[in-house]
Structure formats: structure tokens, C-alpha cells
Amino acid sequence: MADFGRLAAVLLGSYALGCIVGAYYLVRWKTGSDLRSIGSGNAGARNAGRVLGRTAFVISLLIDAGKGAAATWIGLQMAPAPLAAVLAMAAVVIGHVWPAQLGFRGGKGAATAIGIMLVFDPTATLLLFAAGLLMLAMTRRFTISGLTAIALAPVAASWRAHTALEVWGLAIVAVIVVYAHRSNLLPHRKSRGDSPALQQEPTR
């Protein structure tokens, strides 16, 4: 019963933390506008950067990665392990992508996934970063490169001898993030700022 209570607290707490969509609230605070109705329409750091500039991009990125890192760290401290950590990782990403207070229309979860991996396994994160850079050099597409790295997270975790449950947890995170980016992957649509990587200056 004690374990159930701890797991429920981790699950709900991580989801609530995920619901703090940094880019959305930063733009709402600065302009009063709904970020999902301007720019690319995405409640993410890159769109906040287009609307408010690079500082907003960095702040939003840090908030969203930070909550992924915080939820994962808390989950790793809780029993029973590793189930608590897996629930925390999945719930914080679900909260970011589908925040209840924003009508279940949040961001796409890439920054949050990065924060998760930085705490979960820094060495695997370095390997994924290298894979992303390689894909970026080949495709010149920032989104595709990042999604490739995130999709490889469960592979890296398996190679690093993490438990099957942790590998499956990262697989769930990867599926959610890739699903949230599905419009970027369609051949007839290209996300703004996705052609040669980072070539566009944010507009105010």
C-alpha cells in the first residue's frame, strides 16, 4: 500500500510538473497571447524564440528540460525502483504534450526528453547527442536529427545494460515525442525553421 501511494504521488506529481509548458507561459506573460495561435503554432521553445527572440528560446528550453530532469531525479530516488522512475519519465512527457489546464494542447516534448536523458544516463545522452549531430550533418534538418536521437534512447539504454522496464519506459517517451512531431515528418509539410538547420533568425 505504501508503494502504491508513492507511485501515485510520483505519477501525478510528474504529470503536474509536465503541465508547466515553459514557452506557453513565457509568451503569455510577455505578450498576453496564446503561443499556439501565433508563429508555427507549437507551444515549444523554438516557437517562443520566433516570437520573443533567442533569450526566450533559451529560457523555455531550460524550463522544459529542467522539469524532465527534476521528475526523473525524483523518480530515481523513490521506491520501488525502477518503476517509479519509469512512471515519472512517462508522466512528465505526457503532461507536457497533453496538459489538462491547456485543453490537452501542449508542446511536443523534445526538450523534456532531453532533460530526462541527462539525469537518467549522461553517458548515453552523449552518445545520442553524437548520433543527432551525425544525422544533422547528413540531413541538415534539425527536427529530424533531434527525433533520431530521441528514438535511439531505448537502444542506448539497452546497450548501457539498463533494465528492460527502463528501456520500455524510454521507448514510451520516444513514441510520444515522435507522435507529437508527426506533422513535421509528413513529406508534404515542413515545419518552419526546419530547413537548413537554425538558419532563420527569430522574428519579433
C-alpha atoms as a PDB file:
ATOM      1  CA  MET A   1       0.000   0.000   0.000  1.00  0.00           C
ATOM      2  CA  ALA A   2       2.884   2.345   0.817  1.00  0.00           C
ATOM      3  CA  ASP A   3       4.455   1.593  -2.547  1.00  0.00           C
ATOM      4  CA  PHE A   4       1.162   2.297  -4.307  1.00  0.00           C
ATOM      5  CA  GLY A   5       0.890   5.666  -2.568  1.00  0.00           C
ATOM      6  CA  ARG A   6       4.435   6.624  -3.549  1.00  0.00           C
ATOM      7  CA  LEU A   7       3.885   5.560  -7.149  1.00  0.00           C
ATOM      8  CA  ALA A   8       0.631   7.516  -7.354  1.00  0.00           C
ATOM      9  CA  ALA A   9       2.383  10.601  -5.963  1.00  0.00           C
ATOM     10  CA  VAL A  10       5.222  10.250  -8.491  1.00  0.00           C
ATOM     11  CA  LEU A  11       2.779   9.750 -11.358  1.00  0.00           C
ATOM     12  CA  LEU A  12       0.513  12.683 -10.513  1.00  0.00           C
ATOM     13  CA  GLY A  13       3.344  14.968  -9.432  1.00  0.00           C
ATOM     14  CA  SER A  14       5.329  14.325 -12.607  1.00  0.00           C
ATOM     15  CA  TYR A  15       2.269  14.892 -14.774  1.00  0.00           C
ATOM     16  CA  ALA A  16       1.544  18.189 -12.981  1.00  0.00           C
ATOM     17  CA  LEU A  17       5.170  19.258 -13.430  1.00  0.00           C
ATOM     18  CA  GLY A  18       4.972  18.392 -17.116  1.00  0.00           C
ATOM     19  CA  CYS A  19       1.914  20.622 -17.474  1.00  0.00           C
ATOM     20  CA  ILE A  20       4.090  23.692 -16.821  1.00  0.00           C
ATOM     21  CA  VAL A  21       4.737  24.400 -20.505  1.00  0.00           C
ATOM     22  CA  GLY A  22       7.535  26.954 -20.313  1.00  0.00           C
ATOM     23  CA  ALA A  23       7.198  28.516 -23.754  1.00  0.00           C
ATOM     24  CA  TYR A  24       3.438  28.937 -23.479  1.00  0.00           C
ATOM     25  CA  TYR A  25       3.547  30.711 -20.121  1.00  0.00           C
ATOM     26  CA  LEU A  26       6.531  32.861 -21.045  1.00  0.00           C
ATOM     27  CA  VAL A  27       4.813  34.200 -24.163  1.00  0.00           C
ATOM     28  CA  ARG A  28       1.514  34.591 -22.315  1.00  0.00           C
ATOM     29  CA  TRP A  29       3.298  36.615 -19.629  1.00  0.00           C
ATOM     30  CA  LYS A  30       5.238  38.792 -22.076  1.00  0.00           C
ATOM     31  CA  THR A  31       2.580  39.403 -24.726  1.00  0.00           C
ATOM     32  CA  GLY A  32      -0.743  38.151 -23.393  1.00  0.00           C
ATOM     33  CA  SER A  33      -1.041  35.967 -26.497  1.00  0.00           C
ATOM     34  CA  ASP A  34      -1.565  32.242 -26.831  1.00  0.00           C
ATOM     35  CA  LEU A  35       1.647  30.877 -28.384  1.00  0.00           C
ATOM     36  CA  ARG A  36      -0.377  28.111 -30.029  1.00  0.00           C
ATOM     37  CA  SER A  37      -2.123  30.671 -32.237  1.00  0.00           C
ATOM     38  CA  ILE A  38       0.989  32.501 -33.488  1.00  0.00           C
ATOM     39  CA  GLY A  39       4.255  31.599 -35.192  1.00  0.00           C
ATOM     40  CA  SER A  40       4.347  27.909 -36.020  1.00  0.00           C
ATOM     41  CA  GLY A  41       1.506  27.211 -33.598  1.00  0.00           C
ATOM     42  CA  ASN A  42       3.651  24.987 -31.413  1.00  0.00           C
ATOM     43  CA  ALA A  43       3.930  25.653 -27.681  1.00  0.00           C
ATOM     44  CA  GLY A  44       7.652  24.952 -27.705  1.00  0.00           C
ATOM     45  CA  ALA A  45      10.961  26.720 -27.225  1.00  0.00           C
ATOM     46  CA  ARG A  46      11.640  27.265 -30.936  1.00  0.00           C
ATOM     47  CA  ASN A  47       8.320  28.990 -31.468  1.00  0.00           C
ATOM     48  CA  ALA A  48       8.858  31.115 -28.356  1.00  0.00           C
ATOM     49  CA  GLY A  49      12.180  32.090 -29.902  1.00  0.00           C
ATOM     50  CA  ARG A  50      10.474  33.144 -33.111  1.00  0.00           C
ATOM     51  CA  VAL A  51       8.039  35.328 -31.193  1.00  0.00           C
ATOM     52  CA  LEU A  52      10.257  36.804 -28.473  1.00  0.00           C
ATOM     53  CA  GLY A  53      13.832  36.163 -29.568  1.00  0.00           C
ATOM     54  CA  ARG A  54      16.718  33.914 -28.555  1.00  0.00           C
ATOM     55  CA  THR A  55      16.563  34.634 -24.846  1.00  0.00           C
ATOM     56  CA  ALA A  56      13.011  33.310 -24.758  1.00  0.00           C
ATOM     57  CA  PHE A  57      14.153  30.225 -26.656  1.00  0.00           C
ATOM     58  CA  VAL A  58      16.859  29.522 -24.059  1.00  0.00           C
ATOM     59  CA  ILE A  59      14.583  30.157 -21.068  1.00  0.00           C
ATOM     60  CA  SER A  60      11.822  27.957 -22.482  1.00  0.00           C
ATOM     61  CA  LEU A  61      14.305  25.205 -23.285  1.00  0.00           C
ATOM     62  CA  LEU A  62      15.725  25.289 -19.771  1.00  0.00           C
ATOM     63  CA  ILE A  63      12.268  25.173 -18.173  1.00  0.00           C
ATOM     64  CA  ASP A  64      11.099  22.228 -20.254  1.00  0.00           C
ATOM     65  CA  ALA A  65      14.356  20.286 -19.965  1.00  0.00           C
ATOM     66  CA  GLY A  66      14.550  21.146 -16.274  1.00  0.00           C
ATOM     67  CA  LYS A  67      11.165  19.667 -15.457  1.00  0.00           C
ATOM     68  CA  GLY A  68      12.084  16.463 -17.279  1.00  0.00           C
ATOM     69  CA  ALA A  69      15.320  16.301 -15.297  1.00  0.00           C
ATOM     70  CA  ALA A  70      13.571  17.077 -11.995  1.00  0.00           C
ATOM     71  CA  ALA A  71      10.830  14.476 -12.465  1.00  0.00           C
ATOM     72  CA  THR A  72      13.371  11.817 -13.416  1.00  0.00           C
ATOM     73  CA  TRP A  73      15.638  12.610 -10.467  1.00  0.00           C
ATOM     74  CA  ILE A  74      12.710  12.390  -8.042  1.00  0.00           C
ATOM     75  CA  GLY A  75      11.569   9.114  -9.597  1.00  0.00           C
ATOM     76  CA  LEU A  76      15.057   7.654  -9.241  1.00  0.00           C
ATOM     77  CA  GLN A  77      15.015   8.420  -5.509  1.00  0.00           C
ATOM     78  CA  MET A  78      11.679   6.722  -4.930  1.00  0.00           C
ATOM     79  CA  ALA A  79      10.788   3.097  -4.317  1.00  0.00           C
ATOM     80  CA  PRO A  80      10.003   0.736  -5.854  1.00  0.00           C
ATOM     81  CA  ALA A  81      12.809   1.126  -8.350  1.00  0.00           C
ATOM     82  CA  PRO A  82      12.919   1.293 -11.314  1.00  0.00           C
ATOM     83  CA  LEU A  83       9.139   1.529 -11.713  1.00  0.00           C
ATOM     84  CA  ALA A  84       8.910   4.937 -10.009  1.00  0.00           C
ATOM     85  CA  ALA A  85      11.484   6.437 -12.384  1.00  0.00           C
ATOM     86  CA  VAL A  86       9.744   4.973 -15.437  1.00  0.00           C
ATOM     87  CA  LEU A  87       6.389   6.385 -14.345  1.00  0.00           C
ATOM     88  CA  ALA A  88       7.981   9.780 -13.699  1.00  0.00           C
ATOM     89  CA  MET A  89       9.615   9.891 -17.139  1.00  0.00           C
ATOM     90  CA  ALA A  90       6.458   8.920 -18.977  1.00  0.00           C
ATOM     91  CA  ALA A  91       4.165  11.163 -16.928  1.00  0.00           C
ATOM     92  CA  VAL A  92       6.224  14.341 -17.265  1.00  0.00           C
ATOM     93  CA  VAL A  93       6.288  13.992 -21.059  1.00  0.00           C
ATOM     94  CA  ILE A  94       2.568  13.220 -21.180  1.00  0.00           C
ATOM     95  CA  GLY A  95       1.932  16.325 -19.072  1.00  0.00           C
ATOM     96  CA  HIS A  96       3.962  18.474 -21.449  1.00  0.00           C
ATOM     97  CA  VAL A  97       2.288  17.170 -24.605  1.00  0.00           C
ATOM     98  CA  TRP A  98      -1.233  16.928 -23.146  1.00  0.00           C
ATOM     99  CA  PRO A  99      -1.556  19.448 -20.267  1.00  0.00           C
ATOM    100  CA  ALA A 100      -5.039  19.315 -18.749  1.00  0.00           C
ATOM    101  CA  GLN A 101      -5.220  23.042 -17.920  1.00  0.00           C
ATOM    102  CA  LEU A 102      -4.420  23.969 -21.551  1.00  0.00           C
ATOM    103  CA  GLY A 103      -7.107  21.778 -23.079  1.00  0.00           C
ATOM    104  CA  PHE A 104      -4.605  18.936 -23.637  1.00  0.00           C
ATOM    105  CA  ARG A 105      -2.736  21.004 -26.259  1.00  0.00           C
ATOM    106  CA  GLY A 106       0.848  21.479 -25.159  1.00  0.00           C
ATOM    107  CA  GLY A 107       4.298  21.227 -26.668  1.00  0.00           C
ATOM    108  CA  LYS A 108       5.999  18.336 -28.414  1.00  0.00           C
ATOM    109  CA  GLY A 109       8.228  17.058 -25.640  1.00  0.00           C
ATOM    110  CA  ALA A 110      11.711  17.047 -27.185  1.00  0.00           C
ATOM    111  CA  ALA A 111      13.310  19.356 -24.600  1.00  0.00           C
ATOM    112  CA  THR A 112      11.634  17.445 -21.780  1.00  0.00           C
ATOM    113  CA  ALA A 113      13.007  14.180 -23.180  1.00  0.00           C
ATOM    114  CA  ILE A 114      16.495  15.702 -23.271  1.00  0.00           C
ATOM    115  CA  GLY A 115      16.191  16.633 -19.598  1.00  0.00           C
ATOM    116  CA  ILE A 116      15.075  13.098 -18.792  1.00  0.00           C
ATOM    117  CA  MET A 117      18.085  11.542 -20.501  1.00  0.00           C
ATOM    118  CA  LEU A 118      20.589  13.953 -18.962  1.00  0.00           C
ATOM    119  CA  VAL A 119      19.631  12.725 -15.493  1.00  0.00           C
ATOM    120  CA  PHE A 120      18.817   9.121 -16.357  1.00  0.00           C
ATOM    121  CA  ASP A 121      22.119   8.363 -18.109  1.00  0.00           C
ATOM    122  CA  PRO A 122      24.545  11.189 -19.004  1.00  0.00           C
ATOM    123  CA  THR A 123      26.846   8.823 -20.896  1.00  0.00           C
ATOM    124  CA  ALA A 124      24.020   7.561 -23.094  1.00  0.00           C
ATOM    125  CA  THR A 125      22.987  11.178 -23.641  1.00  0.00           C
ATOM    126  CA  LEU A 126      26.435  11.978 -25.062  1.00  0.00           C
ATOM    127  CA  LEU A 127      26.106   9.046 -27.466  1.00  0.00           C
ATOM    128  CA  LEU A 128      22.657  10.244 -28.538  1.00  0.00           C
ATOM    129  CA  PHE A 129      23.977  13.782 -28.995  1.00  0.00           C
ATOM    130  CA  ALA A 130      26.684  12.424 -31.297  1.00  0.00           C
ATOM    131  CA  ALA A 131      24.065  10.475 -33.267  1.00  0.00           C
ATOM    132  CA  GLY A 132      21.959  13.625 -33.599  1.00  0.00           C
ATOM    133  CA  LEU A 133      24.929  15.631 -34.860  1.00  0.00           C
ATOM    134  CA  LEU A 134      25.713  12.942 -37.419  1.00  0.00           C
ATOM    135  CA  MET A 135      22.128  12.976 -38.658  1.00  0.00           C
ATOM    136  CA  LEU A 136      22.198  16.776 -38.770  1.00  0.00           C
ATOM    137  CA  ALA A 137      25.303  16.698 -40.949  1.00  0.00           C
ATOM    138  CA  MET A 138      23.575  14.251 -43.285  1.00  0.00           C
ATOM    139  CA  THR A 139      20.117  15.814 -43.495  1.00  0.00           C
ATOM    140  CA  ARG A 140      20.560  19.476 -42.482  1.00  0.00           C
ATOM    141  CA  ARG A 141      17.191  19.118 -40.715  1.00  0.00           C
ATOM    142  CA  PHE A 142      17.194  19.981 -37.030  1.00  0.00           C
ATOM    143  CA  THR A 143      13.895  18.293 -36.147  1.00  0.00           C
ATOM    144  CA  ILE A 144      14.734  15.008 -37.879  1.00  0.00           C
ATOM    145  CA  SER A 145      18.141  14.950 -36.192  1.00  0.00           C
ATOM    146  CA  GLY A 146      16.695  15.509 -32.732  1.00  0.00           C
ATOM    147  CA  LEU A 147      13.960  12.928 -33.211  1.00  0.00           C
ATOM    148  CA  THR A 148      16.512  10.379 -34.386  1.00  0.00           C
ATOM    149  CA  ALA A 149      18.497  10.872 -31.195  1.00  0.00           C
ATOM    150  CA  ILE A 150      15.374  10.573 -29.036  1.00  0.00           C
ATOM    151  CA  ALA A 151      14.182   7.485 -30.913  1.00  0.00           C
ATOM    152  CA  LEU A 152      17.550   5.832 -30.244  1.00  0.00           C
ATOM    153  CA  ALA A 153      17.287   6.445 -26.481  1.00  0.00           C
ATOM    154  CA  PRO A 154      15.903   2.964 -25.664  1.00  0.00           C
ATOM    155  CA  VAL A 155      18.611   1.387 -27.831  1.00  0.00           C
ATOM    156  CA  ALA A 156      21.292   3.317 -25.960  1.00  0.00           C
ATOM    157  CA  ALA A 157      19.716   2.351 -22.624  1.00  0.00           C
ATOM    158  CA  SER A 158      19.711  -1.309 -23.608  1.00  0.00           C
ATOM    159  CA  TRP A 159      23.354  -1.097 -24.694  1.00  0.00           C
ATOM    160  CA  ARG A 160      24.149   0.513 -21.335  1.00  0.00           C
ATOM    161  CA  ALA A 161      22.567  -2.510 -19.589  1.00  0.00           C
ATOM    162  CA  HIS A 162      19.588  -0.757 -18.038  1.00  0.00           C
ATOM    163  CA  THR A 163      16.636  -2.912 -17.023  1.00  0.00           C
ATOM    164  CA  ALA A 164      14.012  -3.997 -19.530  1.00  0.00           C
ATOM    165  CA  LEU A 165      11.453  -1.857 -17.697  1.00  0.00           C
ATOM    166  CA  GLU A 166      13.639   1.258 -18.080  1.00  0.00           C
ATOM    167  CA  VAL A 167      14.210   0.506 -21.753  1.00  0.00           C
ATOM    168  CA  TRP A 168      10.462   0.183 -22.295  1.00  0.00           C
ATOM    169  CA  GLY A 169       9.894   3.401 -20.354  1.00  0.00           C
ATOM    170  CA  LEU A 170      12.242   5.292 -22.656  1.00  0.00           C
ATOM    171  CA  ALA A 171      10.561   3.643 -25.641  1.00  0.00           C
ATOM    172  CA  ILE A 172       7.228   5.071 -24.467  1.00  0.00           C
ATOM    173  CA  VAL A 173       8.795   8.521 -24.100  1.00  0.00           C
ATOM    174  CA  ALA A 174      10.284   8.264 -27.605  1.00  0.00           C
ATOM    175  CA  VAL A 175       6.983   7.161 -29.148  1.00  0.00           C
ATOM    176  CA  ILE A 176       5.114  10.055 -27.515  1.00  0.00           C
ATOM    177  CA  VAL A 177       7.658  12.625 -28.701  1.00  0.00           C
ATOM    178  CA  VAL A 178       7.792  11.272 -32.246  1.00  0.00           C
ATOM    179  CA  TYR A 179       3.990  11.114 -32.354  1.00  0.00           C
ATOM    180  CA  ALA A 180       3.777  14.728 -31.187  1.00  0.00           C
ATOM    181  CA  HIS A 181       6.088  15.674 -34.072  1.00  0.00           C
ATOM    182  CA  ARG A 182       4.143  13.664 -36.653  1.00  0.00           C
ATOM    183  CA  SER A 183       3.191  16.751 -38.682  1.00  0.00           C
ATOM    184  CA  ASN A 184       6.900  17.562 -39.091  1.00  0.00           C
ATOM    185  CA  LEU A 185       7.533  14.144 -40.597  1.00  0.00           C
ATOM    186  CA  LEU A 186       4.919  14.282 -43.352  1.00  0.00           C
ATOM    187  CA  PRO A 187       6.563  14.709 -46.789  1.00  0.00           C
ATOM    188  CA  HIS A 188       4.123  17.427 -47.891  1.00  0.00           C
ATOM    189  CA  ARG A 189       4.613  19.590 -44.788  1.00  0.00           C
ATOM    190  CA  LYS A 190       7.729  21.196 -43.474  1.00  0.00           C
ATOM    191  CA  SER A 191       7.907  22.872 -40.097  1.00  0.00           C
ATOM    192  CA  ARG A 192       9.031  26.486 -40.111  1.00  0.00           C
ATOM    193  CA  GLY A 193      12.698  26.765 -39.380  1.00  0.00           C
ATOM    194  CA  ASP A 194      13.282  23.085 -40.213  1.00  0.00           C
ATOM    195  CA  SER A 195      15.079  23.591 -43.466  1.00  0.00           C
ATOM    196  CA  PRO A 196      18.667  24.119 -43.192  1.00  0.00           C
ATOM    197  CA  ALA A 197      19.073  23.847 -39.510  1.00  0.00           C
ATOM    198  CA  LEU A 198      18.759  27.004 -37.467  1.00  0.00           C
ATOM    199  CA  GLN A 199      19.253  29.256 -40.461  1.00  0.00           C
ATOM    200  CA  GLN A 200      16.331  31.514 -39.665  1.00  0.00           C
ATOM    201  CA  GLU A 201      16.593  34.338 -37.181  1.00  0.00           C
ATOM    202  CA  PRO A 202      13.758  34.513 -34.682  1.00  0.00           C
ATOM    203  CA  THR A 203      11.261  37.211 -35.580  1.00  0.00           C
ATOM    204  CA  ARG A 204       9.769  39.575 -33.090  1.00  0.00           C
END
